Protein backbone atom coordinates (compact mmCIF):
# COMPACT_ATOMS: atom_id res chain seq x y z
CA MET A 1 -0.03 -0.10 -0.03
CA LEU A 2 1.34 3.33 -1.07
CA GLU A 3 1.25 5.86 1.97
CA LEU A 4 3.26 8.68 3.80
CA ARG A 5 3.79 7.38 7.41
CA ASN A 6 6.55 8.05 10.23
CA GLY A 7 9.20 5.28 10.18
CA LEU A 8 8.92 4.68 6.44
CA THR A 9 12.40 3.58 4.83
CA LEU A 10 12.92 5.04 1.33
CA TYR A 11 15.89 4.57 -0.89
CA HIS A 12 17.65 6.70 -3.47
CA GLY A 13 19.98 5.29 -6.32
CA SER A 14 22.76 7.70 -7.87
CA TYR A 15 26.17 8.20 -9.01
CA CYS A 16 26.94 9.54 -5.70
CA GLU A 17 25.99 9.60 -2.09
CA VAL A 18 23.07 11.90 -1.29
CA LYS A 19 23.13 13.14 2.22
CA GLU A 20 21.20 16.32 1.84
CA PRO A 21 19.22 16.32 -1.52
CA ASP A 22 19.18 19.45 -3.39
CA LEU A 23 16.14 20.61 -5.54
CA ASP A 24 18.24 22.58 -7.72
CA LYS A 25 20.10 19.51 -9.01
CA CYS A 26 16.63 17.61 -9.69
CA TYR A 27 15.42 17.27 -13.39
CA LYS A 28 12.06 18.74 -14.36
CA GLU A 29 10.90 16.33 -16.98
CA LYS A 30 10.26 13.20 -14.67
CA ASP A 31 7.10 11.33 -13.79
CA PHE A 32 5.99 13.62 -11.23
CA GLY A 33 7.89 16.63 -12.35
CA LYS A 34 10.83 18.26 -10.51
CA GLY A 35 11.55 16.66 -7.15
CA PHE A 36 13.81 14.06 -5.25
CA TYR A 37 12.67 10.63 -6.12
CA LEU A 38 12.97 7.65 -3.96
CA THR A 39 11.37 4.22 -3.56
CA THR A 40 10.61 1.73 -0.80
CA SER A 41 12.26 -0.84 -2.73
CA LYS A 42 16.06 -1.21 -2.39
CA GLU A 43 16.28 -3.46 -5.70
CA GLN A 44 14.42 -0.59 -7.66
CA ALA A 45 17.11 1.85 -6.33
CA LYS A 46 19.79 -0.29 -7.32
CA SER A 47 18.11 -0.93 -10.80
CA PHE A 48 18.38 2.85 -11.47
CA LEU A 49 22.38 3.05 -10.50
CA ASN A 50 23.48 2.34 -14.17
CA THR A 51 21.58 5.01 -15.56
CA SER A 52 22.62 7.72 -13.31
CA VAL A 53 26.31 6.64 -13.76
CA ALA A 54 25.75 6.76 -17.34
CA LYS A 55 24.05 10.17 -17.14
CA ALA A 56 26.59 11.66 -15.10
CA ILE A 57 29.52 10.29 -17.27
CA THR A 58 27.84 11.82 -20.35
CA LYS A 59 27.48 15.39 -18.53
CA GLY A 60 31.04 15.21 -17.43
CA VAL A 61 30.02 15.28 -13.62
CA ILE A 62 32.13 12.24 -13.06
CA ASN A 63 35.05 10.24 -14.71
CA ASP A 64 34.18 7.91 -17.32
CA SER A 65 35.92 5.03 -15.54
CA GLN A 66 33.55 5.05 -12.35
CA ASP A 67 31.94 1.60 -12.17
CA TYR A 68 30.03 2.16 -9.00
CA GLY A 69 27.05 3.96 -7.52
CA TYR A 70 25.39 4.61 -4.20
CA ILE A 71 21.94 3.65 -2.48
CA SER A 72 21.37 6.37 -0.06
CA VAL A 73 18.83 5.41 2.65
CA PHE A 74 16.58 7.83 4.46
CA ASN A 75 13.86 7.53 7.20
CA LEU A 76 10.71 9.29 7.00
CA GLU A 77 9.77 11.52 9.93
CA LEU A 78 6.66 13.61 9.39
CA ASN A 79 7.10 16.38 11.62
CA GLU A 80 5.31 18.95 9.23
CA GLU A 81 1.85 18.64 7.52
CA LEU A 82 2.70 17.81 4.15
CA CYS A 83 0.29 18.18 1.31
CA SER A 84 0.53 15.05 -0.60
CA CYS A 85 -1.10 13.09 -3.78
CA ILE A 86 -0.91 9.44 -3.71
CA PHE A 87 -1.85 7.47 -6.75
CA SER A 88 -2.53 4.13 -5.26
CA GLU A 89 -2.58 2.56 -8.86
CA ALA A 90 -1.61 3.09 -12.19
CA ASN A 91 -4.90 4.67 -13.56
CA ILE A 92 -5.80 7.28 -15.87
CA ASP A 93 -5.12 9.93 -13.45
CA TRP A 94 -2.04 8.72 -12.71
CA LEU A 95 -1.21 8.32 -16.56
CA HIS A 96 -2.29 11.95 -17.29
CA CYS A 97 -0.07 13.21 -14.32
CA VAL A 98 2.99 11.47 -15.72
CA THR A 99 2.22 12.56 -19.31
CA ALA A 100 1.92 16.27 -18.18
CA HIS A 101 5.11 16.27 -16.70
CA ARG A 102 7.12 14.24 -19.36
CA LYS A 103 5.71 16.25 -22.14
CA ARG A 104 4.90 19.91 -21.98
CA ASN A 105 1.38 21.36 -23.03
CA THR A 106 -0.49 18.08 -22.82
CA PHE A 107 -2.44 18.43 -19.85
CA ASN A 108 -1.65 21.84 -18.61
CA GLU A 109 -4.33 22.38 -16.07
CA LEU A 110 -3.49 19.09 -14.26
CA GLU A 111 0.17 20.08 -14.46
CA LYS A 112 -0.63 23.32 -12.75
CA ASN A 113 -2.77 21.84 -10.04
CA MET A 114 0.01 19.21 -9.10
CA THR A 115 2.19 22.29 -8.06
CA MET A 116 0.37 22.38 -4.84
CA TYR A 117 1.63 19.09 -3.33
CA ASP A 118 4.85 18.83 -1.41
CA VAL A 119 4.92 14.99 -2.15
CA ILE A 120 3.49 12.90 -5.10
CA VAL A 121 3.45 9.20 -4.71
CA GLY A 122 2.57 6.53 -7.33
CA LYS A 123 3.91 3.60 -9.55
CA ILE A 124 6.71 3.95 -11.54
CA ALA A 125 7.24 2.14 -14.83
CA ASP A 126 10.18 -0.29 -15.11
CA ASP A 127 12.27 -0.89 -18.49
CA GLN A 128 9.42 -2.70 -20.22
CA THR A 129 6.63 -0.57 -19.28
CA ASN A 130 8.40 2.60 -19.96
CA ALA A 131 8.16 1.80 -23.87
CA THR A 132 4.53 1.88 -23.54
CA LEU A 133 4.49 5.19 -21.72
CA VAL A 134 6.92 6.55 -24.55
CA ALA A 135 4.42 5.36 -27.20
CA TYR A 136 1.29 6.70 -25.49
CA ILE A 137 2.97 10.15 -25.30
CA GLY A 138 4.01 9.92 -28.93
CA GLY A 139 0.47 9.22 -29.93
CA ALA A 140 0.89 5.72 -31.13
CA PHE A 141 -2.21 4.57 -29.43
CA GLY A 142 -4.17 7.40 -30.60
CA GLN A 143 -4.64 11.06 -29.45
CA ILE A 144 -3.26 11.47 -25.88
CA GLY A 145 -6.17 12.02 -23.46
CA SER A 146 -8.58 10.24 -25.63
CA LYS A 147 -10.75 7.29 -23.88
CA GLU A 148 -9.32 4.82 -26.52
CA ALA A 149 -5.60 5.64 -25.97
CA ASP A 150 -5.69 5.99 -22.27
CA GLU A 151 -7.69 2.61 -21.87
CA PHE A 152 -5.27 0.98 -24.09
CA CYS A 153 -2.31 2.23 -22.43
CA ILE A 154 -3.42 1.48 -19.20
CA ARG A 155 -4.28 -2.09 -20.20
CA GLN A 156 -0.69 -2.46 -21.51
CA LEU A 157 1.22 -1.34 -18.42
CA LEU A 158 0.36 -4.42 -16.37
CA PRO A 159 -0.03 -2.14 -13.20
CA ASN A 160 0.62 -5.29 -10.72
CA LYS A 161 4.20 -5.50 -11.76
CA LEU A 162 5.12 -1.52 -11.28
CA GLN A 163 7.39 -0.58 -8.46
CA ASP A 164 6.71 2.57 -6.40
CA GLN A 165 8.27 6.22 -6.57
CA TYR A 166 8.02 9.10 -4.16
CA CYS A 167 8.86 12.60 -5.24
CA PHE A 168 9.57 15.15 -2.60
CA ARG A 169 8.94 18.38 -4.35
CA THR A 170 9.53 21.05 -1.68
CA GLU A 171 12.06 22.10 0.84
CA LYS A 172 9.30 21.36 3.34
CA ALA A 173 9.09 17.84 2.11
CA LEU A 174 12.86 17.49 2.13
CA LYS A 175 13.05 18.43 5.80
CA CYS A 176 11.20 15.14 6.62
CA LEU A 177 13.64 13.05 5.20
CA LYS A 178 16.27 12.01 7.63
CA TYR A 179 19.65 10.51 6.18
CA ILE A 180 20.50 7.19 7.54
CA GLU A 181 23.53 5.73 5.27
CA SER A 182 24.80 5.05 1.90
CA GLU A 183 25.94 1.80 0.40
CA LYS A 184 28.36 1.67 -2.20
CA ILE A 185 27.26 -0.78 -5.15
CA TRP A 186 29.43 -1.99 -7.70
CA LEU A 187 28.01 -2.05 -11.26
CA LYS A 188 28.01 -5.14 -13.49
CA LYS A 189 29.62 -4.42 -16.68
């Protein structure tokens, strides 16, 4: 069950240790917009390491010989009232939210409404289902937002196999994350 509760352990996979998340270093065009992304699945965080290291090498942030990443572990301590949106399943509302953040000018009103949230929680597509989202956003299933395209895309996503993601979008939300430790993970070549 997707939830925000005290004591929740969350993981972040990256090319570097992250002890103090910085929203200025976060990308905008992710599933729930700009924010610091975590998951309850250590394996999910680990699976992101290769992507993170590859992007950092491409941008010249790290040496191209780096063959490791880090999983940073955080504990959630809700000491402030957070405005949150939780998508408990991969449904049409979730699909439109992800689309609005990945492709500008698709669901402008929805994207604007989502700015009110400190934290957005929902499913994350894995490598196999991400192709379905890309096809939907590209119009391969019909007009984005049409009933037919939406329903076809949702049927293809197999929601029961999707992991979770927690997007902390504000400084207020980040203050509720308490750094525990980081684990160095060697990447398989």
